[in-house]
PDB file of all heavy atoms in Angstrom:
ATOM      1  N   LEU A   1       0.824  -1.210   0.000  1.00  0.00           N
ATOM      2  CA  LEU A   1       0.000   0.000   0.000  1.00  0.00           C
ATOM      3  C   LEU A   1       0.860   1.263   0.000  1.00  0.00           C
ATOM      4  O   LEU A   1       0.501   2.279  -0.602  1.00  0.00           O
ATOM      5  CB  LEU A   1      -0.927   0.003   1.219  1.00  0.00           C
ATOM      6  CG  LEU A   1      -2.007  -1.081   1.268  1.00  0.00           C
ATOM      7  CD1 LEU A   1      -2.779  -1.001   2.573  1.00  0.00           C
ATOM      8  CD2 LEU A   1      -2.962  -0.961   0.092  1.00  0.00           C
ATOM      9  N   TRP A   2       1.992   1.194   0.675  1.00  0.00           N
ATOM     10  CA  TRP A   2       2.877   2.354   0.779  1.00  0.00           C
ATOM     11  C   TRP A   2       3.659   2.611  -0.506  1.00  0.00           C
ATOM     12  O   TRP A   2       3.866   3.759  -0.902  1.00  0.00           O
ATOM     13  CB  TRP A   2       3.838   2.139   1.948  1.00  0.00           C
ATOM     14  CG  TRP A   2       5.045   3.022   1.926  1.00  0.00           C
ATOM     15  CD1 TRP A   2       5.114   4.348   2.250  1.00  0.00           C
ATOM     16  CD2 TRP A   2       6.383   2.641   1.545  1.00  0.00           C
ATOM     17  NE1 TRP A   2       6.400   4.813   2.106  1.00  0.00           N
ATOM     18  CE2 TRP A   2       7.201   3.793   1.673  1.00  0.00           C
ATOM     19  CE3 TRP A   2       6.968   1.443   1.117  1.00  0.00           C
ATOM     20  CZ2 TRP A   2       8.559   3.772   1.389  1.00  0.00           C
ATOM     21  CZ3 TRP A   2       8.316   1.412   0.826  1.00  0.00           C
ATOM     22  CH2 TRP A   2       9.093   2.567   0.975  1.00  0.00           C
ATOM     23  N   ALA A   3       4.085   1.552  -1.179  1.00  0.00           N
ATOM     24  CA  ALA A   3       4.968   1.689  -2.339  1.00  0.00           C
ATOM     25  C   ALA A   3       4.246   2.348  -3.512  1.00  0.00           C
ATOM     26  O   ALA A   3       3.064   2.082  -3.751  1.00  0.00           O
ATOM     27  CB  ALA A   3       5.491   0.321  -2.760  1.00  0.00           C
ATOM     28  N   ASP A   4       4.972   3.195  -4.229  1.00  0.00           N
ATOM     29  CA  ASP A   4       4.420   3.780  -5.450  1.00  0.00           C
ATOM     30  C   ASP A   4       5.288   3.474  -6.671  1.00  0.00           C
ATOM     31  O   ASP A   4       5.092   4.058  -7.728  1.00  0.00           O
ATOM     32  CB  ASP A   4       4.220   5.301  -5.303  1.00  0.00           C
ATOM     33  CG  ASP A   4       5.410   5.994  -4.676  1.00  0.00           C
ATOM     34  OD1 ASP A   4       6.544   5.513  -4.885  1.00  0.00           O
ATOM     35  OD2 ASP A   4       5.214   6.990  -3.963  1.00  0.00           O
ATOM     36  N   ASP A   5       6.226   2.559  -6.530  1.00  0.00           N
ATOM     37  CA  ASP A   5       6.947   2.010  -7.680  1.00  0.00           C
ATOM     38  C   ASP A   5       7.493   0.646  -7.278  1.00  0.00           C
ATOM     39  O   ASP A   5       7.518   0.279  -6.105  1.00  0.00           O
ATOM     40  CB  ASP A   5       8.061   2.935  -8.166  1.00  0.00           C
ATOM     41  CG  ASP A   5       9.094   3.240  -7.088  1.00  0.00           C
ATOM     42  OD1 ASP A   5       9.631   2.286  -6.481  1.00  0.00           O
ATOM     43  OD2 ASP A   5       9.344   4.433  -6.822  1.00  0.00           O
ATOM     44  N   PHE A   6       7.922  -0.126  -8.278  1.00  0.00           N
ATOM     45  CA  PHE A   6       8.363  -1.495  -8.016  1.00  0.00           C
ATOM     46  C   PHE A   6       9.635  -1.546  -7.177  1.00  0.00           C
ATOM     47  O   PHE A   6       9.860  -2.511  -6.448  1.00  0.00           O
ATOM     48  CB  PHE A   6       8.576  -2.235  -9.343  1.00  0.00           C
ATOM     49  CG  PHE A   6       7.304  -2.687 -10.000  1.00  0.00           C
ATOM     50  CD1 PHE A   6       6.737  -1.955 -11.024  1.00  0.00           C
ATOM     51  CD2 PHE A   6       6.658  -3.834  -9.571  1.00  0.00           C
ATOM     52  CE1 PHE A   6       5.564  -2.363 -11.621  1.00  0.00           C
ATOM     53  CE2 PHE A   6       5.481  -4.259 -10.164  1.00  0.00           C
ATOM     54  CZ  PHE A   6       4.925  -3.516 -11.198  1.00  0.00           C
ATOM     55  N   GLN A   7      10.466  -0.541  -7.281  1.00  0.00           N
ATOM     56  CA  GLN A   7      11.709  -0.539  -6.508  1.00  0.00           C
ATOM     57  C   GLN A   7      11.439  -0.488  -5.013  1.00  0.00           C
ATOM     58  O   GLN A   7      12.142  -1.134  -4.231  1.00  0.00           O
ATOM     59  CB  GLN A   7      12.579   0.645  -6.928  1.00  0.00           C
ATOM     60  CG  GLN A   7      13.170   0.512  -8.318  1.00  0.00           C
ATOM     61  CD  GLN A   7      14.078   1.672  -8.683  1.00  0.00           C
ATOM     62  OE1 GLN A   7      14.086   2.691  -8.012  1.00  0.00           O
ATOM     63  NE2 GLN A   7      14.852   1.505  -9.737  1.00  0.00           N
ATOM     64  N   LYS A   8      10.419   0.259  -4.614  1.00  0.00           N
ATOM     65  CA  LYS A   8      10.105   0.375  -3.195  1.00  0.00           C
ATOM     66  C   LYS A   8       9.610  -0.933  -2.603  1.00  0.00           C
ATOM     67  O   LYS A   8       9.692  -1.129  -1.385  1.00  0.00           O
ATOM     68  CB  LYS A   8       9.074   1.477  -2.970  1.00  0.00           C
ATOM     69  CG  LYS A   8       9.629   2.884  -3.110  1.00  0.00           C
ATOM     70  CD  LYS A   8       8.613   3.921  -2.692  1.00  0.00           C
ATOM     71  CE  LYS A   8       9.193   5.326  -2.770  1.00  0.00           C
ATOM     72  NZ  LYS A   8       8.205   6.351  -2.351  1.00  0.00           N
ATOM     73  N   LEU A   9       9.101  -1.820  -3.445  1.00  0.00           N
ATOM     74  CA  LEU A   9       8.651  -3.121  -2.940  1.00  0.00           C
ATOM     75  C   LEU A   9       9.813  -3.933  -2.380  1.00  0.00           C
ATOM     76  O   LEU A   9       9.632  -4.785  -1.511  1.00  0.00           O
ATOM     77  CB  LEU A   9       7.965  -3.916  -4.056  1.00  0.00           C
ATOM     78  CG  LEU A   9       6.620  -3.406  -4.573  1.00  0.00           C
ATOM     79  CD1 LEU A   9       6.119  -4.312  -5.687  1.00  0.00           C
ATOM     80  CD2 LEU A   9       5.591  -3.326  -3.454  1.00  0.00           C
ATOM     81  N   GLN A  10      11.029  -3.672  -2.901  1.00  0.00           N
ATOM     82  CA  GLN A  10      12.188  -4.464  -2.507  1.00  0.00           C
ATOM     83  C   GLN A  10      13.074  -3.776  -1.471  1.00  0.00           C
ATOM     84  O   GLN A  10      13.985  -4.399  -0.937  1.00  0.00           O
ATOM     85  CB  GLN A  10      13.034  -4.788  -3.753  1.00  0.00           C
ATOM     86  CG  GLN A  10      12.307  -5.582  -4.801  1.00  0.00           C
ATOM     87  CD  GLN A  10      11.845  -6.931  -4.281  1.00  0.00           C
ATOM     88  OE1 GLN A  10      12.548  -7.583  -3.520  1.00  0.00           O
ATOM     89  NE2 GLN A  10      10.664  -7.348  -4.688  1.00  0.00           N
ATOM     90  N   VAL A  11      12.810  -2.508  -1.199  1.00  0.00           N
ATOM     91  CA  VAL A  11      13.700  -1.753  -0.315  1.00  0.00           C
ATOM     92  C   VAL A  11      13.738  -2.348   1.082  1.00  0.00           C
ATOM     93  O   VAL A  11      14.806  -2.661   1.630  1.00  0.00           O
ATOM     94  CB  VAL A  11      13.282  -0.269  -0.255  1.00  0.00           C
ATOM     95  CG1 VAL A  11      14.019   0.443   0.869  1.00  0.00           C
ATOM     96  CG2 VAL A  11      13.565   0.417  -1.579  1.00  0.00           C
ATOM     97  N   ILE A  12      12.563  -2.523   1.702  1.00  0.00           N
ATOM     98  CA  ILE A  12      12.528  -3.004   3.087  1.00  0.00           C
ATOM     99  C   ILE A  12      12.958  -4.468   3.199  1.00  0.00           C
ATOM    100  O   ILE A  12      13.750  -4.813   4.083  1.00  0.00           O
ATOM    101  CB  ILE A  12      11.140  -2.765   3.704  1.00  0.00           C
ATOM    102  CG1 ILE A  12      10.895  -1.251   3.824  1.00  0.00           C
ATOM    103  CG2 ILE A  12      11.017  -3.449   5.064  1.00  0.00           C
ATOM    104  CD1 ILE A  12       9.571  -0.870   4.415  1.00  0.00           C
ATOM    105  N   PRO A  13      12.479  -5.381   2.310  1.00  0.00           N
ATOM    106  CA  PRO A  13      12.980  -6.762   2.420  1.00  0.00           C
ATOM    107  C   PRO A  13      14.495  -6.873   2.266  1.00  0.00           C
ATOM    108  O   PRO A  13      15.144  -7.622   3.001  1.00  0.00           O
ATOM    109  CB  PRO A  13      12.250  -7.481   1.271  1.00  0.00           C
ATOM    110  CG  PRO A  13      11.014  -6.699   1.067  1.00  0.00           C
ATOM    111  CD  PRO A  13      11.391  -5.270   1.324  1.00  0.00           C
ATOM    112  N   LEU A  14      15.081  -6.138   1.318  1.00  0.00           N
ATOM    113  CA  LEU A  14      16.512  -6.272   1.051  1.00  0.00           C
ATOM    114  C   LEU A  14      17.375  -5.476   2.023  1.00  0.00           C
ATOM    115  O   LEU A  14      18.438  -5.939   2.447  1.00  0.00           O
ATOM    116  CB  LEU A  14      16.820  -5.829  -0.387  1.00  0.00           C
ATOM    117  CG  LEU A  14      16.293  -6.732  -1.503  1.00  0.00           C
ATOM    118  CD1 LEU A  14      16.626  -6.138  -2.865  1.00  0.00           C
ATOM    119  CD2 LEU A  14      16.839  -8.142  -1.385  1.00  0.00           C
ATOM    120  N   MET A  15      16.914  -4.275   2.373  1.00  0.00           N
ATOM    121  CA  MET A  15      17.743  -3.377   3.176  1.00  0.00           C
ATOM    122  C   MET A  15      17.501  -3.489   4.680  1.00  0.00           C
ATOM    123  O   MET A  15      18.335  -3.054   5.471  1.00  0.00           O
ATOM    124  CB  MET A  15      17.507  -1.926   2.740  1.00  0.00           C
ATOM    125  CG  MET A  15      17.812  -1.663   1.269  1.00  0.00           C
ATOM    126  SD  MET A  15      19.543  -1.941   0.849  1.00  0.00           S
ATOM    127  CE  MET A  15      20.304  -0.591   1.734  1.00  0.00           C
ATOM    128  N   VAL A  16      16.364  -4.057   5.062  1.00  0.00           N
ATOM    129  CA  VAL A  16      16.028  -4.116   6.489  1.00  0.00           C
ATOM    130  C   VAL A  16      15.845  -5.558   6.966  1.00  0.00           C
ATOM    131  O   VAL A  16      16.544  -6.026   7.878  1.00  0.00           O
ATOM    132  CB  VAL A  16      14.761  -3.292   6.791  1.00  0.00           C
ATOM    133  CG1 VAL A  16      14.418  -3.393   8.278  1.00  0.00           C
ATOM    134  CG2 VAL A  16      14.948  -1.835   6.385  1.00  0.00           C
ATOM    135  N   VAL A  17      14.903  -6.284   6.358  1.00  0.00           N
ATOM    136  CA  VAL A  17      14.531  -7.606   6.873  1.00  0.00           C
ATOM    137  C   VAL A  17      15.657  -8.613   6.731  1.00  0.00           C
ATOM    138  O   VAL A  17      15.985  -9.343   7.685  1.00  0.00           O
ATOM    139  CB  VAL A  17      13.249  -8.111   6.171  1.00  0.00           C
ATOM    140  CG1 VAL A  17      12.925  -9.527   6.630  1.00  0.00           C
ATOM    141  CG2 VAL A  17      12.079  -7.185   6.469  1.00  0.00           C
ATOM    142  N   THR A  18      16.278  -8.689   5.550  1.00  0.00           N
ATOM    143  CA  THR A  18      17.359  -9.663   5.352  1.00  0.00           C
ATOM    144  C   THR A  18      18.544  -9.426   6.286  1.00  0.00           C
ATOM    145  O   THR A  18      19.020 -10.365   6.935  1.00  0.00           O
ATOM    146  CB  THR A  18      17.821  -9.672   3.885  1.00  0.00           C
ATOM    147  OG1 THR A  18      16.726 -10.055   3.048  1.00  0.00           O
ATOM    148  CG2 THR A  18      18.971 -10.650   3.685  1.00  0.00           C
ATOM    149  N   PRO A  19      19.054  -8.185   6.419  1.00  0.00           N
ATOM    150  CA  PRO A  19      20.140  -7.958   7.396  1.00  0.00           C
ATOM    151  C   PRO A  19      19.739  -8.304   8.824  1.00  0.00           C
ATOM    152  O   PRO A  19      20.540  -8.888   9.571  1.00  0.00           O
ATOM    153  CB  PRO A  19      20.435  -6.458   7.246  1.00  0.00           C
ATOM    154  CG  PRO A  19      19.998  -6.118   5.874  1.00  0.00           C
ATOM    155  CD  PRO A  19      18.803  -6.967   5.619  1.00  0.00           C
ATOM    156  N   LEU A  20      18.506  -7.947   9.222  1.00  0.00           N
ATOM    157  CA  LEU A  20      18.063  -8.262  10.577  1.00  0.00           C
ATOM    158  C   LEU A  20      17.994  -9.771  10.799  1.00  0.00           C
ATOM    159  O   LEU A  20      18.268 -10.262  11.896  1.00  0.00           O
ATOM    160  CB  LEU A  20      16.696  -7.635  10.849  1.00  0.00           C
ATOM    161  CG  LEU A  20      16.665  -6.112  11.051  1.00  0.00           C
ATOM    162  CD1 LEU A  20      15.235  -5.643  11.290  1.00  0.00           C
ATOM    163  CD2 LEU A  20      17.547  -5.690  12.217  1.00  0.00           C
ATOM    164  N   THR A  21      17.633 -10.514   9.749  1.00  0.00           N
ATOM    165  CA  THR A  21      17.563 -11.973   9.867  1.00  0.00           C
ATOM    166  C   THR A  21      18.955 -12.566  10.024  1.00  0.00           C
ATOM    167  O   THR A  21      19.190 -13.446  10.865  1.00  0.00           O
ATOM    168  CB  THR A  21      16.862 -12.575   8.642  1.00  0.00           C
ATOM    169  OG1 THR A  21      15.575 -11.969   8.473  1.00  0.00           O
ATOM    170  CG2 THR A  21      16.678 -14.079   8.821  1.00  0.00           C
ATOM    171  N   PHE A  22      19.912 -12.101   9.222  1.00  0.00           N
ATOM    172  CA  PHE A  22      21.288 -12.594   9.342  1.00  0.00           C
ATOM    173  C   PHE A  22      21.883 -12.248  10.702  1.00  0.00           C
ATOM    174  O   PHE A  22      22.678 -13.014  11.255  1.00  0.00           O
ATOM    175  CB  PHE A  22      22.151 -12.010   8.228  1.00  0.00           C
ATOM    176  CG  PHE A  22      22.074 -12.769   6.935  1.00  0.00           C
ATOM    177  CD1 PHE A  22      21.212 -12.374   5.928  1.00  0.00           C
ATOM    178  CD2 PHE A  22      22.854 -13.892   6.730  1.00  0.00           C
ATOM    179  CE1 PHE A  22      21.135 -13.074   4.745  1.00  0.00           C
ATOM    180  CE2 PHE A  22      22.783 -14.613   5.544  1.00  0.00           C
ATOM    181  CZ  PHE A  22      21.916 -14.199   4.553  1.00  0.00           C
ATOM    182  N   LEU A  23      21.503 -11.084  11.240  1.00  0.00           N
ATOM    183  CA  LEU A  23      22.021 -10.660  12.539  1.00  0.00           C
ATOM    184  C   LEU A  23      21.144 -11.141  13.695  1.00  0.00           C
ATOM    185  O   LEU A  23      21.431 -10.828  14.849  1.00  0.00           O
ATOM    186  CB  LEU A  23      22.120  -9.130  12.584  1.00  0.00           C
ATOM    187  CG  LEU A  23      23.104  -8.499  11.586  1.00  0.00           C
ATOM    188  CD1 LEU A  23      22.974  -6.981  11.609  1.00  0.00           C
ATOM    189  CD2 LEU A  23      24.530  -8.925  11.884  1.00  0.00           C
ATOM    190  N   GLY A  24      20.082 -11.871  13.377  1.00  0.00           N
ATOM    191  CA  GLY A  24      19.131 -12.300  14.404  1.00  0.00           C
ATOM    192  C   GLY A  24      19.319 -13.718  14.889  1.00  0.00           C
ATOM    193  O   GLY A  24      18.423 -14.277  15.532  1.00  0.00           O
ATOM    194  N   GLY A  25      20.454 -14.322  14.565  1.00  0.00           N
ATOM    195  CA  GLY A  25      20.727 -15.669  15.053  1.00  0.00           C
ATOM    196  C   GLY A  25      20.352 -16.770  14.084  1.00  0.00           C
ATOM    197  O   GLY A  25      20.191 -17.916  14.499  1.00  0.00           O
ATOM    198  N   ALA A  26      20.210 -16.439  12.786  1.00  0.00           N
ATOM    199  CA  ALA A  26      19.888 -17.473  11.813  1.00  0.00           C
ATOM    200  C   ALA A  26      21.008 -18.506  11.704  1.00  0.00           C
ATOM    201  O   ALA A  26      20.763 -19.695  11.532  1.00  0.00           O
ATOM    202  CB  ALA A  26      19.614 -16.848  10.441  1.00  0.00           C
ATOM    203  N   PHE A  27      22.266 -18.040  11.819  1.00  0.00           N
ATOM    204  CA  PHE A  27      23.412 -18.931  11.647  1.00  0.00           C
ATOM    205  C   PHE A  27      24.216 -19.122  12.918  1.00  0.00           C
ATOM    206  O   PHE A  27      25.253 -19.773  12.896  1.00  0.00           O
ATOM    207  CB  PHE A  27      24.329 -18.385  10.545  1.00  0.00           C
ATOM    208  CG  PHE A  27      23.680 -18.345   9.195  1.00  0.00           C
ATOM    209  CD1 PHE A  27      23.135 -17.181   8.701  1.00  0.00           C
ATOM    210  CD2 PHE A  27      23.601 -19.490   8.425  1.00  0.00           C
ATOM    211  CE1 PHE A  27      22.527 -17.140   7.463  1.00  0.00           C
ATOM    212  CE2 PHE A  27      23.000 -19.469   7.173  1.00  0.00           C
ATOM    213  CZ  PHE A  27      22.458 -18.293   6.692  1.00  0.00           C
ATOM    214  N   TYR A  28      23.773 -18.537  14.013  1.00  0.00           N
ATOM    215  CA  TYR A  28      24.524 -18.660  15.264  1.00  0.00           C
ATOM    216  C   TYR A  28      23.583 -18.380  16.433  1.00  0.00           C
ATOM    217  O   TYR A  28      22.490 -17.841  16.258  1.00  0.00           O
ATOM    218  CB  TYR A  28      25.697 -17.676  15.295  1.00  0.00           C
ATOM    219  CG  TYR A  28      25.282 -16.232  15.147  1.00  0.00           C
ATOM    220  CD1 TYR A  28      24.932 -15.454  16.252  1.00  0.00           C
ATOM    221  CD2 TYR A  28      25.223 -15.632  13.893  1.00  0.00           C
ATOM    222  CE1 TYR A  28      24.533 -14.140  16.125  1.00  0.00           C
ATOM    223  CE2 TYR A  28      24.821 -14.314  13.746  1.00  0.00           C
ATOM    224  CZ  TYR A  28      24.484 -13.580  14.859  1.00  0.00           C
ATOM    225  OH  TYR A  28      24.080 -12.278  14.715  1.00  0.00           O
ATOM    226  N   SER A  29      24.020 -18.747  17.612  1.00  0.00           N
ATOM    227  CA  SER A  29      23.300 -18.409  18.838  1.00  0.00           C
ATOM    228  C   SER A  29      23.816 -17.077  19.350  1.00  0.00           C
ATOM    229  O   SER A  29      25.034 -16.846  19.360  1.00  0.00           O
ATOM    230  CB  SER A  29      23.510 -19.495  19.898  1.00  0.00           C
ATOM    231  OG  SER A  29      23.038 -19.062  21.156  1.00  0.00           O
ATOM    232  N   ILE A  30      22.921 -16.199  19.772  1.00  0.00           N
ATOM    233  CA  ILE A  30      23.390 -14.909  20.280  1.00  0.00           C
ATOM    234  C   ILE A  30      24.171 -15.080  21.576  1.00  0.00           C
ATOM    235  O   ILE A  30      24.875 -14.169  22.005  1.00  0.00           O
ATOM    236  CB  ILE A  30      22.232 -13.910  20.466  1.00  0.00           C
ATOM    237  CG1 ILE A  30      21.252 -14.403  21.538  1.00  0.00           C
ATOM    238  CG2 ILE A  30      21.513 -13.658  19.155  1.00  0.00           C
ATOM    239  CD1 ILE A  30      20.207 -13.348  21.911  1.00  0.00           C
ATOM    240  N   GLY A  31      24.059 -16.260  22.200  1.00  0.00           N
ATOM    241  CA  GLY A  31      24.865 -16.548  23.374  1.00  0.00           C
ATOM    242  C   GLY A  31      26.346 -16.662  23.057  1.00  0.00           C
ATOM    243  O   GLY A  31      27.181 -16.625  23.964  1.00  0.00           O
ATOM    244  N   MET A  32      26.685 -16.782  21.768  1.00  0.00           N
ATOM    245  CA  MET A  32      28.081 -16.868  21.351  1.00  0.00           C
ATOM    246  C   MET A  32      28.702 -15.482  21.222  1.00  0.00           C
ATOM    247  O   MET A  32      29.907 -15.365  21.034  1.00  0.00           O
ATOM    248  CB  MET A  32      28.170 -17.607  20.003  1.00  0.00           C
ATOM    249  CG  MET A  32      27.623 -19.027  20.049  1.00  0.00           C
ATOM    250  SD  MET A  32      27.358 -19.739  18.401  1.00  0.00           S
ATOM    251  CE  MET A  32      29.030 -19.822  17.795  1.00  0.00           C
ATOM    252  N   LEU A  33      27.878 -14.428  21.304  1.00  0.00           N
ATOM    253  CA  LEU A  33      28.375 -13.066  21.166  1.00  0.00           C
ATOM    254  C   LEU A  33      28.930 -12.552  22.487  1.00  0.00           C
ATOM    255  O   LEU A  33      28.578 -13.062  23.555  1.00  0.00           O
ATOM    256  CB  LEU A  33      27.240 -12.146  20.698  1.00  0.00           C
ATOM    257  CG  LEU A  33      26.584 -12.461  19.350  1.00  0.00           C
ATOM    258  CD1 LEU A  33      25.375 -11.553  19.136  1.00  0.00           C
ATOM    259  CD2 LEU A  33      27.580 -12.300  18.219  1.00  0.00           C
TER     260      LEU A  33
END
């Protein structure tokens, strides 16, 4: 609903969600930090 072009559809998944997932313990336990 917010996006007004196709590029905006990918901004949040690529720039926000994917990095947060990689940093959210997908490949490690945060207890190792």
